Amino acid sequence: MAVYVVSHKVNDFEVWKSVFDSNIAITEKFGITDRFVLQAADDPNYVTVVGEGALGKI
């Protein structure tokens, strides 16, 4: 199992999240089975995404 962590600032969390959610089928195609989206307490537009997936597919 591989784990990835990506942190970055987005312009508008709601817009970003809707695009992120619309791509779930693509991430599943590449073996990413679990994903978590976190927002910074002091800046809701700063996000961290943590995901897990099959090592051979990512």
Protein backbone atom coordinates (compact mmCIF):
# COMPACT_ATOMS: atom_id res chain seq x y z
CA MET A 1 0.00 0.00 0.00
CA ALA A 2 1.33 3.43 -0.94
CA VAL A 3 0.39 6.66 0.82
CA TYR A 4 0.54 10.16 -0.64
CA VAL A 5 0.20 13.55 1.04
CA VAL A 6 -0.32 16.78 -0.89
CA SER A 7 -0.71 20.22 0.72
CA HIS A 8 -1.50 23.39 -1.16
CA LYS A 9 -3.52 26.58 -1.17
CA VAL A 10 -6.60 26.81 -3.39
CA ASN A 11 -8.49 29.93 -4.47
CA ASP A 12 -11.93 28.71 -3.41
CA PHE A 13 -12.32 25.54 -1.37
CA GLU A 14 -15.92 24.86 -2.45
CA VAL A 15 -15.05 25.06 -6.16
CA TRP A 16 -11.88 23.00 -5.69
CA LYS A 17 -13.74 20.34 -3.66
CA SER A 18 -16.45 19.93 -6.28
CA VAL A 19 -13.80 19.29 -8.95
CA PHE A 20 -11.90 16.95 -6.62
CA ASP A 21 -15.07 14.97 -5.91
CA SER A 22 -15.96 14.75 -9.60
CA ASN A 23 -12.67 12.94 -10.28
CA ILE A 24 -13.14 10.07 -7.81
CA ALA A 25 -13.64 7.53 -10.62
CA ILE A 26 -10.30 8.52 -12.14
CA THR A 27 -8.42 8.13 -8.87
CA GLU A 28 -10.06 4.76 -8.25
CA LYS A 29 -8.98 3.63 -11.73
CA PHE A 30 -5.38 4.16 -10.62
CA GLY A 31 -5.85 2.23 -7.39
CA ILE A 32 -6.41 5.07 -4.93
CA THR A 33 -8.97 3.59 -2.58
CA ASP A 34 -9.00 5.99 0.36
CA ARG A 35 -8.64 9.74 0.36
CA PHE A 36 -9.05 12.36 3.06
CA VAL A 37 -9.31 16.11 2.57
CA LEU A 38 -8.29 18.32 5.48
CA GLN A 39 -8.57 22.10 5.79
CA ALA A 40 -6.25 24.25 7.89
CA ALA A 41 -8.00 25.65 10.95
CA ASP A 42 -6.77 29.18 10.26
CA ASP A 43 -7.23 29.12 6.45
CA PRO A 44 -9.98 26.96 4.92
CA ASN A 45 -8.43 27.45 1.47
CA TYR A 46 -5.25 25.65 2.54
CA VAL A 47 -5.91 21.95 1.98
CA THR A 48 -4.08 18.71 2.63
CA VAL A 49 -5.08 15.55 0.79
CA VAL A 50 -3.99 12.18 2.15
CA GLY A 51 -4.61 9.08 0.07
CA GLU A 52 -3.84 5.37 -0.03
CA GLY A 53 -3.66 3.04 -2.93
CA ALA A 54 -2.16 -0.09 -4.43
CA LEU A 55 1.57 0.42 -4.89
CA GLY A 56 1.65 -0.99 -8.41
CA LYS A 57 -1.03 1.34 -9.76
CA ILE A 58 -0.05 4.76 -8.41
